[in-house]
C-alpha atoms as a PDB file:
ATOM      1  CA  UNK A   1     -65.368 -12.946  -6.685  1.00  0.00           C
ATOM      2  CA  UNK A   2     -64.630 -16.629  -7.792  1.00  0.00           C
ATOM      3  CA  UNK A   3     -62.930 -19.348  -5.948  1.00  0.00           C
ATOM      4  CA  UNK A   4     -60.426 -22.192  -7.379  1.00  0.00           C
ATOM      5  CA  UNK A   5     -58.758 -25.085  -6.158  1.00  0.00           C
ATOM      6  CA  UNK A   6     -55.099 -24.567  -6.936  1.00  0.00           C
ATOM      7  CA  UNK A   7     -52.524 -27.500  -7.361  1.00  0.00           C
ATOM      8  CA  UNK A   8     -49.197 -27.805  -4.997  1.00  0.00           C
ATOM      9  CA  UNK A   9     -46.722 -26.403  -4.823  1.00  0.00           C
ATOM     10  CA  UNK A  10     -47.643 -22.787  -4.401  1.00  0.00           C
ATOM     11  CA  UNK A  11     -45.236 -20.130  -3.408  1.00  0.00           C
ATOM     12  CA  UNK A  12     -47.127 -17.291  -1.209  1.00  0.00           C
ATOM     13  CA  UNK A  13     -46.598 -13.908   0.178  1.00  0.00           C
ATOM     14  CA  UNK A  14     -48.554 -13.369   3.196  1.00  0.00           C
ATOM     15  CA  UNK A  15     -48.841 -10.372   5.251  1.00  0.00           C
ATOM     16  CA  UNK A  16     -50.579 -10.517   9.098  1.00  0.00           C
ATOM     17  CA  UNK A  17     -51.180  -7.404  11.242  1.00  0.00           C
ATOM     18  CA  UNK A  18     -51.932  -7.625  14.806  1.00  0.00           C
ATOM     19  CA  UNK A  19     -53.139  -4.192  15.007  1.00  0.00           C
ATOM     20  CA  UNK A  20     -54.545  -1.528  12.513  1.00  0.00           C
ATOM     21  CA  UNK A  21     -53.353   1.981  13.358  1.00  0.00           C
ATOM     22  CA  UNK A  22     -56.028   3.600  11.454  1.00  0.00           C
ATOM     23  CA  UNK A  23     -55.005   2.557   7.875  1.00  0.00           C
ATOM     24  CA  UNK A  24     -58.019   0.364   7.080  1.00  0.00           C
ATOM     25  CA  UNK A  25     -55.593  -2.627   6.776  1.00  0.00           C
ATOM     26  CA  UNK A  26     -56.586  -6.395   6.077  1.00  0.00           C
ATOM     27  CA  UNK A  27     -55.480  -8.230   8.972  1.00  0.00           C
ATOM     28  CA  UNK A  28     -54.238 -10.947   6.714  1.00  0.00           C
ATOM     29  CA  UNK A  29     -53.770 -11.181   3.049  1.00  0.00           C
ATOM     30  CA  UNK A  30     -51.934 -13.558   0.899  1.00  0.00           C
ATOM     31  CA  UNK A  31     -50.966 -13.883  -2.710  1.00  0.00           C
ATOM     32  CA  UNK A  32     -50.008 -17.416  -4.356  1.00  0.00           C
ATOM     33  CA  UNK A  33     -48.452 -18.341  -7.661  1.00  0.00           C
ATOM     34  CA  UNK A  34     -46.632 -21.319  -9.017  1.00  0.00           C
ATOM     35  CA  UNK A  35     -44.466 -22.801 -11.736  1.00  0.00           C
ATOM     36  CA  UNK A  36     -47.291 -24.400 -13.318  1.00  0.00           C
ATOM     37  CA  UNK A  37     -49.656 -21.502 -13.932  1.00  0.00           C
ATOM     38  CA  UNK A  38     -52.051 -21.330 -10.831  1.00  0.00           C
ATOM     39  CA  UNK A  39     -51.934 -18.057  -9.086  1.00  0.00           C
ATOM     40  CA  UNK A  40     -54.279 -15.629  -7.037  1.00  0.00           C
ATOM     41  CA  UNK A  41     -55.091 -14.767  -3.487  1.00  0.00           C
ATOM     42  CA  UNK A  42     -55.603 -17.445  -0.656  1.00  0.00           C
ATOM     43  CA  UNK A  43     -58.809 -17.417   0.983  1.00  0.00           C
ATOM     44  CA  UNK A  44     -58.882 -20.630   2.877  1.00  0.00           C
ATOM     45  CA  UNK A  45     -57.974 -24.096   2.483  1.00  0.00           C
ATOM     46  CA  UNK A  46     -60.197 -26.728   1.034  1.00  0.00           C
ATOM     47  CA  UNK A  47     -58.406 -29.749   2.398  1.00  0.00           C
ATOM     48  CA  UNK A  48     -57.591 -28.671   5.942  1.00  0.00           C
ATOM     49  CA  UNK A  49     -56.703 -32.317   7.203  1.00  0.00           C
ATOM     50  CA  UNK A  50     -54.002 -33.277   4.339  1.00  0.00           C
ATOM     51  CA  UNK A  51     -52.489 -29.773   3.686  1.00  0.00           C
ATOM     52  CA  UNK A  52     -48.882 -28.740   5.098  1.00  0.00           C
ATOM     53  CA  UNK A  53     -47.456 -25.277   5.223  1.00  0.00           C
ATOM     54  CA  UNK A  54     -43.749 -23.929   5.949  1.00  0.00           C
ATOM     55  CA  UNK A  55     -43.573 -20.402   6.197  1.00  0.00           C
ATOM     56  CA  UNK A  56     -40.979 -17.833   7.255  1.00  0.00           C
ATOM     57  CA  UNK A  57     -41.992 -14.525   8.793  1.00  0.00           C
ATOM     58  CA  UNK A  58     -40.275 -11.362  10.485  1.00  0.00           C
ATOM     59  CA  UNK A  59     -41.958  -8.212  12.423  1.00  0.00           C
ATOM     60  CA  UNK A  60     -42.143  -4.904  10.416  1.00  0.00           C
ATOM     61  CA  UNK A  61     -40.965  -1.828  12.009  1.00  0.00           C
ATOM     62  CA  UNK A  62     -43.213   0.509  10.050  1.00  0.00           C
ATOM     63  CA  UNK A  63     -46.268   0.196   7.889  1.00  0.00           C
ATOM     64  CA  UNK A  64     -46.841   2.082   4.618  1.00  0.00           C
ATOM     65  CA  UNK A  65     -50.138   2.251   3.160  1.00  0.00           C
ATOM     66  CA  UNK A  66     -50.384   3.107  -0.317  1.00  0.00           C
ATOM     67  CA  UNK A  67     -53.897   4.004  -2.151  1.00  0.00           C
ATOM     68  CA  UNK A  68     -55.875   3.761   1.044  1.00  0.00           C
ATOM     69  CA  UNK A  69     -59.575   3.052   0.472  1.00  0.00           C
END
């Protein structure tokens, strides 16, 4: 696993679960990309005092697990 600092702005797709019904889900998972070539998984912020986030989320009615570990 390697960690890198990426430049803003980033566009990210995130999933948050409040419950795992036995599918071995990650409780949170985020993929990011940018127009300037940065991309990858988000793990944590290296500048928590200066970063700003904007997000839109909705609740899912179903969970589909593909390729269960």
